[in-house]
Amino acid sequence: MTMSEAILESLETSLRGELLRPEDDGYEEARRLWNGMIDRKPALIVRCTRVADVIEAVSFARESGVTAAVRGGGHSVAGLASVDDGIMIDLSLMRGVRLDAGARTARVQGGATWADLDRETQALGLATPGGIISTTGIAGLTLGGGFGWLSRKYGLAADNLLSADVLTAESEVVRASADENSDLFWAIRGGGGNFGIVTSFEFQLHEIGSEVLFGPTVYRLDDAPDVLRNYRDFTRDAPNECTVYADLLTAPPLPFLPEEVHGTKVLFLIQCYVGNLEEGEKVLRPLREFGEPLGDAVAPTRYAEAQSRSDPLYAEGARNYWKSHNLTTLSDEIIDSLVQCAARLPTPQSDILVHQLGGSINDHPPEATAYPHRDVQFVVTPGGRWDDPSQDERCITWVRECHRVLSEHAPGGVYVNFLGHDEGEERLRAAFGENTGRLRKIKARYDPDNFFRMNQNIMPQT
């Protein structure tokens, strides 16, 4: 991108935040994303500290004809928060949280992470459904739908969105809610960052108390087929207060596991119960007492701590390559395929994570929001993670092979936030399903020139 110094100085003067060029101190750190596999070099980075900075950055990019990428938490596995030789509009300094305890709502800026929000709400015994990694950005997760430990009880993050302030491609800030710009409100609840930059989110909060019942029960990989079949049967009738993820991985050196287990391949059943803890103990007992566990660490835990417990497994800077499938059931064939793939984990950081969905998520029809997958019970994600670039081919090949094997038994849908950078148009259509046509019409209204295209892109209808 070639730009006169006078034009850049004019942009810089208009900002309260910071304008970074490749030669500036702080540029390298600011351009770095969570996924170390993505190494893009924007020509400019605008580090916004207020909505006016975001407006200036969008106006500059549009008038200059340069490609813009929007960074919230920067946690996208596809690396969509950056762009080569364009402009990164960085909201990561805009992380304010304002609570209304009486109304049980939270207003959150667009660069905040779930840790920022959970820290504030936890102090009042409140929460709203987020993900399972506290460093994840609120914006990206919510705009894609967003599920985690509270979702079976209270729905998606997007289901708990009450309103949003959205900056359009024409640099206009509009309010989106059920009563204002309702078509835009529908689209941003699952349609990703296609329609504008959300500078603030208003969420409904829920009373969850000071603690949840949380932690893993761990089994040998050899026992995983039987344990996963029991898990499948358990989840079929589990109350909405209960969410259990199954994770096939290499055992880290956790103190509750025997030392001889460290570094071996295991199955974690990670359990979360929201509600009365004594009742939770009874509900989870059939899981925790099944077979011969290697260890068990399920215990009363502050929700904010539960949210951050897995952060070390998904540390910033590692190289990541994922693929994902939506599932309506865990058949015997799928279970056997999962265990066979887990036996070939390419690195100690890699895993296969099975997310349990259903419950309140599926109380909505598929057309209620842009997120369409209201019949899904599980999402399975083979995730390759590694540090050495020389392992790229090995890890990517393993993920693709796992995905191929599971494709034989999966219905075809996929969660948009788990799409990688090389998925293709067919997989993108699978993410939005029958809602694709309506999304394209709304895209044409709010972004007819496809200014916001550094995302899992929806082309405007022509």
Protein backbone atom coordinates (compact mmCIF):
# COMPACT_ATOMS: atom_id res chain seq x y z
CA MET A 1 0.00 0.00 0.00
CA THR A 2 1.46 3.33 -1.07
CA MET A 3 0.25 6.34 0.90
CA SER A 4 1.64 9.86 1.21
CA GLU A 5 3.04 10.88 4.57
CA ALA A 6 0.64 13.82 4.66
CA ILE A 7 -2.37 11.52 4.41
CA LEU A 8 -1.01 9.24 7.13
CA GLU A 9 -0.27 12.20 9.38
CA SER A 10 -3.85 13.38 8.90
CA LEU A 11 -5.14 9.97 9.99
CA GLU A 12 -2.76 9.86 12.94
CA THR A 13 -3.80 13.33 14.12
CA SER A 14 -7.47 12.30 14.09
CA LEU A 15 -6.89 9.37 16.44
CA ARG A 16 -6.83 9.24 20.19
CA GLY A 17 -5.41 5.76 19.78
CA GLU A 18 -2.23 4.79 17.97
CA LEU A 19 -1.27 4.39 14.32
CA LEU A 20 1.46 1.81 13.76
CA ARG A 21 3.56 1.32 10.64
CA PRO A 22 5.86 -1.70 10.07
CA GLU A 23 8.92 0.25 11.21
CA ASP A 24 7.32 1.45 14.46
CA ASP A 25 8.01 0.10 17.92
CA GLY A 26 5.12 -2.12 18.97
CA TYR A 27 4.11 -3.07 15.43
CA GLU A 28 5.39 -6.65 15.64
CA GLU A 29 3.59 -7.30 18.90
CA ALA A 30 0.38 -5.65 17.70
CA ARG A 31 0.19 -7.66 14.46
CA ARG A 32 0.69 -10.99 16.24
CA LEU A 33 -2.39 -13.23 16.41
CA TRP A 34 -3.37 -16.10 18.67
CA ASN A 35 -2.80 -18.65 15.90
CA GLY A 36 0.95 -18.64 15.31
CA MET A 37 0.42 -20.25 11.92
CA ILE A 38 -0.98 -16.96 10.56
CA ASP A 39 1.78 -14.46 9.78
CA ARG A 40 0.21 -11.51 8.00
CA LYS A 41 1.77 -8.06 7.78
CA PRO A 42 -0.68 -5.17 7.51
CA ALA A 43 0.61 -1.90 6.11
CA LEU A 44 -1.07 -0.04 8.96
CA ILE A 45 -2.50 -0.92 12.35
CA VAL A 46 -4.97 1.45 14.00
CA ARG A 47 -5.13 0.70 17.71
CA CYS A 48 -8.50 2.17 18.61
CA THR A 49 -9.37 3.45 22.07
CA ARG A 50 -12.80 4.92 21.30
CA VAL A 51 -15.59 4.59 18.77
CA ALA A 52 -14.40 7.74 16.98
CA ASP A 53 -11.11 5.97 16.23
CA VAL A 54 -12.98 3.07 14.66
CA ILE A 55 -14.99 5.48 12.53
CA GLU A 56 -11.82 7.24 11.37
CA ALA A 57 -10.17 3.92 10.50
CA VAL A 58 -13.15 2.67 8.48
CA SER A 59 -13.49 5.97 6.65
CA PHE A 60 -9.78 6.01 5.84
CA ALA A 61 -9.79 2.44 4.54
CA ARG A 62 -12.91 2.96 2.44
CA GLU A 63 -11.70 6.24 0.91
CA SER A 64 -8.22 4.82 0.27
CA GLY A 65 -9.55 1.61 -1.29
CA VAL A 66 -7.49 -0.66 0.97
CA THR A 67 -8.61 -3.94 2.48
CA ALA A 68 -9.50 -3.76 6.17
CA ALA A 69 -9.41 -6.52 8.78
CA VAL A 70 -11.02 -6.15 12.18
CA ARG A 71 -9.38 -7.44 15.34
CA GLY A 72 -11.29 -8.01 18.55
CA GLY A 73 -9.67 -10.75 20.62
CA GLY A 74 -7.59 -11.97 17.66
CA HIS A 75 -8.49 -15.57 18.54
CA SER A 76 -9.79 -16.69 15.13
CA VAL A 77 -8.20 -19.99 14.10
CA ALA A 78 -8.45 -18.78 10.49
CA GLY A 79 -6.47 -15.63 11.32
CA LEU A 80 -9.14 -13.32 9.91
CA ALA A 81 -8.18 -10.44 12.21
CA SER A 82 -5.28 -9.41 9.97
CA VAL A 83 -4.50 -8.78 6.32
CA ASP A 84 -1.35 -8.45 4.26
CA ASP A 85 -0.66 -4.91 2.98
CA GLY A 86 -4.01 -3.59 4.25
CA ILE A 87 -5.18 -2.00 7.47
CA MET A 88 -5.86 -3.80 10.73
CA ILE A 89 -8.55 -2.04 12.76
CA ASP A 90 -7.60 -3.18 16.24
CA LEU A 91 -10.22 -2.93 19.01
CA SER A 92 -8.22 -4.91 21.57
CA LEU A 93 -7.70 -1.81 23.76
CA MET A 94 -11.47 -1.22 23.94
CA ARG A 95 -12.30 -3.64 26.74
CA GLY A 96 -14.64 -1.78 29.07
CA VAL A 97 -17.47 -3.56 30.88
CA ARG A 98 -20.43 -1.80 32.49
CA LEU A 99 -22.97 -3.74 34.55
CA ASP A 100 -26.56 -2.96 35.46
CA ALA A 101 -27.10 -5.30 38.41
CA GLY A 102 -30.80 -4.43 38.72
CA ALA A 103 -31.58 -5.23 35.11
CA ARG A 104 -28.99 -8.04 35.02
CA THR A 105 -27.39 -6.72 31.88
CA ALA A 106 -23.84 -5.96 30.79
CA ARG A 107 -22.60 -3.50 28.18
CA VAL A 108 -19.24 -4.65 26.81
CA GLN A 109 -16.87 -2.99 24.35
CA GLY A 110 -15.93 -4.80 21.15
CA GLY A 111 -12.33 -5.60 22.06
CA ALA A 112 -13.08 -7.32 25.37
CA THR A 113 -12.36 -10.96 26.11
CA TRP A 114 -14.53 -13.31 28.09
CA ALA A 115 -12.10 -12.97 30.98
CA ASP A 116 -12.85 -9.23 31.08
CA LEU A 117 -16.59 -9.85 31.30
CA ASP A 118 -16.48 -12.87 33.61
CA ARG A 119 -14.30 -11.03 36.12
CA GLU A 120 -16.93 -8.32 36.51
CA THR A 121 -20.05 -10.47 36.46
CA GLN A 122 -18.62 -13.12 38.80
CA ALA A 123 -18.36 -10.55 41.58
CA LEU A 124 -22.17 -10.35 41.54
CA GLY A 125 -22.79 -14.07 41.04
CA LEU A 126 -23.91 -13.40 37.47
CA ALA A 127 -22.77 -14.63 34.05
CA THR A 128 -23.78 -14.94 30.43
CA PRO A 129 -22.90 -17.87 28.16
CA GLY A 130 -19.41 -17.55 26.68
CA GLY A 131 -16.88 -20.00 25.34
CA ILE A 132 -14.53 -22.31 27.22
CA ILE A 133 -11.31 -20.27 26.83
CA SER A 134 -11.18 -16.99 28.74
CA THR A 135 -8.81 -15.31 26.26
CA THR A 136 -11.34 -15.62 23.42
CA GLY A 137 -12.75 -12.32 22.18
CA ILE A 138 -16.37 -11.59 22.96
CA ALA A 139 -16.99 -10.16 19.50
CA GLY A 140 -15.90 -13.06 17.31
CA LEU A 141 -17.48 -15.71 19.48
CA THR A 142 -20.83 -13.93 19.79
CA LEU A 143 -21.08 -12.96 16.12
CA GLY A 144 -20.60 -16.60 15.14
CA GLY A 145 -23.19 -17.86 17.66
CA GLY A 146 -21.03 -18.77 20.62
CA PHE A 147 -21.40 -21.77 22.93
CA GLY A 148 -19.75 -22.92 26.14
CA TRP A 149 -20.38 -24.23 29.64
CA LEU A 150 -23.60 -22.27 30.23
CA SER A 151 -25.20 -22.70 26.81
CA ARG A 152 -27.30 -25.80 27.46
CA LYS A 153 -28.89 -23.90 30.34
CA TYR A 154 -29.12 -20.40 28.89
CA GLY A 155 -28.53 -20.67 25.13
CA LEU A 156 -25.86 -19.28 22.83
CA ALA A 157 -23.98 -16.07 23.49
CA ALA A 158 -25.95 -14.72 20.51
CA ASP A 159 -29.23 -15.79 22.11
CA ASN A 160 -28.37 -13.61 25.10
CA LEU A 161 -27.49 -10.56 23.04
CA LEU A 162 -30.00 -7.78 23.69
CA SER A 163 -28.55 -5.09 21.48
CA ALA A 164 -25.38 -3.99 19.72
CA ASP A 165 -23.87 -0.79 18.39
CA VAL A 166 -22.71 -1.51 14.84
CA LEU A 167 -20.47 0.66 12.68
CA THR A 168 -21.41 0.13 9.04
CA ALA A 169 -19.20 0.35 5.96
CA GLU A 170 -20.49 3.91 5.46
CA SER A 171 -19.11 4.89 8.90
CA GLU A 172 -22.59 5.16 10.41
CA VAL A 173 -23.18 3.85 13.93
CA VAL A 174 -26.55 2.12 14.24
CA ARG A 175 -28.23 0.33 17.09
CA ALA A 176 -29.32 -3.24 16.36
CA SER A 177 -31.91 -4.90 18.57
CA ALA A 178 -35.25 -6.65 18.34
CA ASP A 179 -36.87 -3.22 17.92
CA GLU A 180 -34.23 -1.30 15.95
CA ASN A 181 -32.71 -2.51 12.69
CA SER A 182 -34.08 -5.95 13.47
CA ASP A 183 -32.78 -7.44 10.23
CA LEU A 184 -29.24 -6.45 11.16
CA PHE A 185 -29.79 -7.78 14.68
CA TRP A 186 -30.86 -11.11 13.23
CA ALA A 187 -27.82 -11.25 10.95
CA ILE A 188 -25.13 -10.48 13.53
CA ARG A 189 -26.32 -13.35 15.71
CA GLY A 190 -24.47 -16.02 13.76
CA GLY A 191 -23.50 -14.26 10.54
CA GLY A 192 -20.05 -13.25 11.74
CA GLY A 193 -18.37 -9.92 11.05
CA ASN A 194 -19.92 -9.49 7.62
CA PHE A 195 -22.17 -6.54 8.37
CA GLY A 196 -20.08 -4.06 10.28
CA ILE A 197 -17.91 -3.59 13.35
CA VAL A 198 -19.72 -4.12 16.63
CA THR A 199 -18.25 -1.58 19.02
CA SER A 200 -20.38 -2.63 21.99
CA PHE A 201 -22.58 -5.55 22.99
CA GLU A 202 -25.43 -5.63 25.52
CA PHE A 203 -25.94 -9.04 27.12
CA GLN A 204 -28.57 -10.57 29.36
CA LEU A 205 -26.99 -11.90 32.57
CA HIS A 206 -28.13 -14.86 34.68
CA GLU A 207 -27.84 -15.74 38.33
CA ILE A 208 -25.40 -18.63 38.69
CA GLY A 209 -24.12 -18.02 42.21
CA SER A 210 -20.54 -18.06 43.39
CA GLU A 211 -19.60 -21.57 42.25
CA VAL A 212 -20.32 -24.27 39.70
CA LEU A 213 -19.42 -27.95 39.89
CA PHE A 214 -16.54 -28.32 37.46
CA GLY A 215 -13.61 -30.51 36.48
CA PRO A 216 -12.50 -33.64 34.62
CA THR A 217 -12.75 -37.36 35.15
CA VAL A 218 -9.89 -39.05 33.29
CA TYR A 219 -9.63 -42.47 31.62
CA ARG A 220 -7.06 -44.47 29.65
CA LEU A 221 -7.46 -44.28 25.90
CA ASP A 222 -7.93 -48.07 25.86
CA ASP A 223 -11.10 -47.56 27.91
CA ALA A 224 -12.37 -44.69 25.76
CA PRO A 225 -14.77 -46.71 23.54
CA ASP A 226 -16.81 -47.95 26.50
CA VAL A 227 -16.55 -44.63 28.37
CA LEU A 228 -17.70 -42.65 25.34
CA ARG A 229 -20.68 -44.96 24.84
CA ASN A 230 -21.65 -44.39 28.47
CA TYR A 231 -21.10 -40.66 27.91
CA ARG A 232 -23.40 -40.74 24.89
CA ASP A 233 -26.12 -42.51 26.89
CA PHE A 234 -25.68 -40.13 29.82
CA THR A 235 -25.94 -36.99 27.71
CA ARG A 236 -29.11 -38.18 26.03
CA ASP A 237 -31.15 -37.46 29.17
CA ALA A 238 -28.88 -35.04 31.03
CA PRO A 239 -30.58 -31.94 32.47
CA ASN A 240 -29.81 -28.59 30.89
CA GLU A 241 -27.84 -27.59 33.99
CA CYS A 242 -25.27 -30.21 33.01
CA THR A 243 -22.71 -29.91 30.21
CA VAL A 244 -19.94 -32.43 29.54
CA TYR A 245 -17.17 -32.14 26.95
CA ALA A 246 -15.10 -35.16 25.97
CA ASP A 247 -11.47 -34.45 25.12
CA LEU A 248 -9.05 -37.01 23.70
CA LEU A 249 -5.53 -35.76 24.37
CA THR A 250 -2.10 -36.39 25.83
CA ALA A 251 -2.23 -36.21 29.61
CA PRO A 252 -0.51 -33.09 30.99
CA PRO A 253 1.39 -33.37 34.31
CA LEU A 254 -1.62 -32.59 36.49
CA PRO A 255 -1.22 -33.29 40.22
CA PHE A 256 -4.36 -35.43 40.52
CA LEU A 257 -3.09 -37.89 37.89
CA PRO A 258 -0.53 -40.63 38.66
CA GLU A 259 2.91 -39.68 37.38
CA GLU A 260 3.09 -42.72 35.13
CA VAL A 261 0.04 -41.43 33.24
CA HIS A 262 1.69 -38.12 32.33
CA GLY A 263 2.43 -38.00 28.61
CA THR A 264 0.12 -40.91 27.72
CA LYS A 265 -3.01 -40.63 25.61
CA VAL A 266 -6.17 -40.28 27.68
CA LEU A 267 -9.81 -39.28 27.63
CA PHE A 268 -11.02 -36.34 29.73
CA LEU A 269 -14.72 -35.98 30.51
CA ILE A 270 -14.85 -32.30 31.51
CA GLN A 271 -18.02 -31.66 33.48
CA CYS A 272 -19.86 -28.49 34.44
CA TYR A 273 -23.04 -28.36 36.51
CA VAL A 274 -24.76 -25.00 37.03
CA GLY A 275 -27.14 -24.97 39.97
CA ASN A 276 -27.44 -26.71 43.32
CA LEU A 277 -24.08 -28.39 43.91
CA GLU A 278 -25.50 -31.32 45.90
CA GLU A 279 -27.92 -32.06 43.08
CA GLY A 280 -25.03 -31.76 40.65
CA GLU A 281 -23.07 -34.39 42.55
CA LYS A 282 -25.96 -36.80 42.13
CA VAL A 283 -26.44 -36.00 38.45
CA LEU A 284 -22.77 -36.47 37.57
CA ARG A 285 -22.23 -39.64 39.59
CA PRO A 286 -23.00 -42.07 36.72
CA LEU A 287 -20.18 -40.46 34.73
CA ARG A 288 -17.63 -40.15 37.50
CA GLU A 289 -18.08 -43.68 38.82
CA PHE A 290 -18.18 -45.48 35.49
CA GLY A 291 -15.35 -47.92 34.77
CA GLU A 292 -11.89 -47.34 36.23
CA PRO A 293 -10.98 -43.65 36.18
CA LEU A 294 -7.33 -42.67 36.42
CA GLY A 295 -8.27 -39.56 38.35
CA ASP A 296 -11.10 -37.19 39.14
CA ALA A 297 -10.94 -33.46 39.88
CA VAL A 298 -14.60 -32.44 39.76
CA ALA A 299 -15.16 -29.92 42.56
CA PRO A 300 -16.96 -26.68 43.42
CA THR A 301 -15.21 -23.99 41.37
CA ARG A 302 -15.70 -20.30 40.77
CA TYR A 303 -17.14 -19.89 37.29
CA ALA A 304 -14.45 -17.44 36.17
CA GLU A 305 -11.80 -19.98 37.20
CA ALA A 306 -13.60 -22.75 35.32
CA GLN A 307 -13.61 -20.52 32.24
CA SER A 308 -9.84 -20.09 32.39
CA ARG A 309 -8.90 -23.64 33.41
CA SER A 310 -8.15 -24.74 29.82
CA ASP A 311 -6.29 -21.59 28.79
CA PRO A 312 -2.82 -23.20 29.06
CA LEU A 313 -3.85 -25.89 26.56
CA TYR A 314 -4.76 -23.21 24.02
CA ALA A 315 -1.91 -20.79 24.61
CA GLU A 316 -1.29 -17.86 22.30
CA GLY A 317 1.39 -18.31 19.67
CA ALA A 318 1.10 -22.05 19.03
CA ARG A 319 0.45 -23.14 15.46
CA ASN A 320 -3.16 -24.27 15.07
CA TYR A 321 -5.06 -26.11 12.36
CA TRP A 322 -8.60 -27.33 13.02
CA LYS A 323 -11.51 -28.87 11.20
CA SER A 324 -14.95 -29.44 12.62
CA HIS A 325 -18.21 -31.35 12.22
CA ASN A 326 -21.67 -30.85 13.66
CA LEU A 327 -23.23 -34.09 14.89
CA THR A 328 -26.76 -35.02 15.86
CA THR A 329 -25.57 -38.16 17.67
CA LEU A 330 -22.43 -40.05 18.64
CA SER A 331 -22.85 -43.33 16.81
CA ASP A 332 -20.69 -46.35 17.55
CA GLU A 333 -18.90 -45.75 14.25
CA ILE A 334 -18.09 -42.17 15.18
CA ILE A 335 -16.85 -43.18 18.61
CA ASP A 336 -14.58 -45.83 17.15
CA SER A 337 -13.26 -43.33 14.59
CA LEU A 338 -12.56 -40.77 17.31
CA VAL A 339 -10.53 -43.25 19.34
CA GLN A 340 -8.59 -44.44 16.30
CA CYS A 341 -7.75 -40.85 15.35
CA ALA A 342 -6.72 -40.07 18.93
CA ALA A 343 -4.27 -42.97 18.91
CA ARG A 344 -2.39 -41.05 16.21
CA LEU A 345 -2.27 -37.61 17.86
CA PRO A 346 0.65 -35.92 16.09
CA THR A 347 1.87 -33.74 18.99
CA PRO A 348 1.32 -33.56 22.76
CA GLN A 349 -0.65 -30.32 22.31
CA SER A 350 -3.09 -31.75 19.76
CA ASP A 351 -6.50 -33.11 20.76
CA ILE A 352 -9.96 -34.09 19.60
CA LEU A 353 -12.60 -32.13 21.48
CA VAL A 354 -16.28 -33.14 21.58
CA HIS A 355 -18.51 -30.24 22.65
CA GLN A 356 -21.93 -31.12 24.05
CA LEU A 357 -24.68 -28.81 22.79
CA GLY A 358 -28.45 -29.27 22.77
CA GLY A 359 -30.57 -28.15 25.70
CA SER A 360 -31.72 -24.53 25.54
CA ILE A 361 -29.71 -23.91 22.37
CA ASN A 362 -32.15 -26.11 20.49
CA ASP A 363 -35.27 -24.48 21.91
CA HIS A 364 -35.12 -21.96 19.04
CA PRO A 365 -36.06 -22.67 15.43
CA PRO A 366 -33.19 -22.52 12.89
CA GLU A 367 -34.52 -19.29 11.40
CA ALA A 368 -34.67 -17.45 14.75
CA THR A 369 -31.12 -16.18 14.31
CA ALA A 370 -28.49 -16.37 11.58
CA TYR A 371 -26.96 -19.31 13.49
CA PRO A 372 -29.01 -22.17 12.01
CA HIS A 373 -27.83 -25.35 13.73
CA ARG A 374 -30.60 -25.91 16.25
CA ASP A 375 -30.64 -29.70 15.97
CA VAL A 376 -26.98 -30.28 16.80
CA GLN A 377 -26.12 -32.30 19.89
CA PHE A 378 -22.33 -32.38 19.56
CA VAL A 379 -19.57 -30.55 17.71
CA VAL A 380 -16.36 -32.52 17.20
CA THR A 381 -13.11 -30.72 16.44
CA PRO A 382 -9.82 -32.45 15.66
CA GLY A 383 -7.33 -29.76 16.59
CA GLY A 384 -3.70 -29.85 15.56
CA ARG A 385 -1.42 -27.71 17.77
CA TRP A 386 2.33 -27.51 17.57
CA ASP A 387 5.24 -25.06 17.78
CA ASP A 388 7.79 -26.15 15.16
CA PRO A 389 6.95 -25.15 11.55
CA SER A 390 8.68 -28.31 10.35
CA GLN A 391 5.70 -30.23 11.78
CA ASP A 392 3.15 -28.36 9.65
CA GLU A 393 2.62 -31.08 7.07
CA ARG A 394 2.36 -33.88 9.61
CA CYS A 395 -0.19 -32.08 11.78
CA ILE A 396 -2.30 -30.73 8.94
CA THR A 397 -2.41 -34.17 7.31
CA TRP A 398 -3.61 -35.72 10.57
CA VAL A 399 -6.42 -33.18 10.99
CA ARG A 400 -7.56 -33.61 7.40
CA GLU A 401 -7.56 -37.38 7.70
CA CYS A 402 -9.59 -37.28 10.93
CA HIS A 403 -12.04 -34.91 9.28
CA ARG A 404 -12.33 -37.16 6.23
CA VAL A 405 -13.03 -40.24 8.32
CA LEU A 406 -15.65 -38.46 10.40
CA SER A 407 -17.26 -37.01 7.26
CA GLU A 408 -18.57 -40.47 6.44
CA HIS A 409 -20.88 -40.27 9.46
CA ALA A 410 -21.55 -36.51 9.84
CA PRO A 411 -24.65 -34.75 8.43
CA GLY A 412 -22.58 -31.96 6.88
CA GLY A 413 -23.15 -28.83 8.98
CA VAL A 414 -20.32 -26.86 10.56
CA TYR A 415 -19.94 -24.09 13.15
CA VAL A 416 -18.69 -20.94 11.44
CA ASN A 417 -16.23 -20.05 14.21
CA PHE A 418 -14.42 -23.36 13.73
CA LEU A 419 -13.86 -22.93 10.00
CA GLY A 420 -10.20 -22.70 9.05
CA HIS A 421 -8.55 -20.54 6.41
CA ASP A 422 -8.81 -23.13 3.60
CA GLU A 423 -12.33 -24.55 3.84
CA GLY A 424 -13.91 -23.46 0.55
CA GLU A 425 -17.33 -22.26 -0.53
CA GLU A 426 -19.17 -25.53 0.14
CA ARG A 427 -18.17 -25.55 3.80
CA LEU A 428 -19.12 -21.89 4.13
CA ARG A 429 -22.60 -22.69 2.83
CA ALA A 430 -22.77 -25.53 5.36
CA ALA A 431 -22.08 -23.03 8.13
CA PHE A 432 -25.04 -20.79 7.29
CA GLY A 433 -27.38 -23.42 5.86
CA GLU A 434 -30.85 -22.33 4.84
CA ASN A 435 -30.18 -18.85 6.23
CA THR A 436 -27.64 -18.06 3.51
CA GLY A 437 -30.12 -16.38 1.17
CA ARG A 438 -31.47 -14.01 3.81
CA LEU A 439 -27.94 -13.20 4.97
CA ARG A 440 -26.93 -12.24 1.42
CA LYS A 441 -29.91 -9.86 1.17
CA ILE A 442 -29.01 -8.19 4.46
CA LYS A 443 -25.37 -7.99 3.41
CA ALA A 444 -26.47 -6.18 0.26
CA ARG A 445 -28.34 -3.62 2.35
CA TYR A 446 -25.60 -2.87 4.89
CA ASP A 447 -22.42 -3.63 2.93
CA PRO A 448 -23.23 -3.79 -0.80
CA ASP A 449 -19.57 -3.33 -1.82
CA ASN A 450 -18.36 -6.09 0.52
CA PHE A 451 -16.04 -3.75 2.40
CA PHE A 452 -16.10 -6.18 5.34
CA ARG A 453 -14.69 -9.20 3.55
CA MET A 454 -11.88 -10.37 5.82
CA ASN A 455 -14.18 -12.91 7.47
CA GLN A 456 -16.01 -16.09 6.59
CA ASN A 457 -17.45 -14.02 3.83
CA ILE A 458 -21.05 -13.70 2.75
CA MET A 459 -21.28 -12.16 -0.71
CA PRO A 460 -23.97 -9.48 -1.05
CA GLN A 461 -26.87 -10.45 -3.24
CA THR A 462 -26.81 -8.62 -6.53
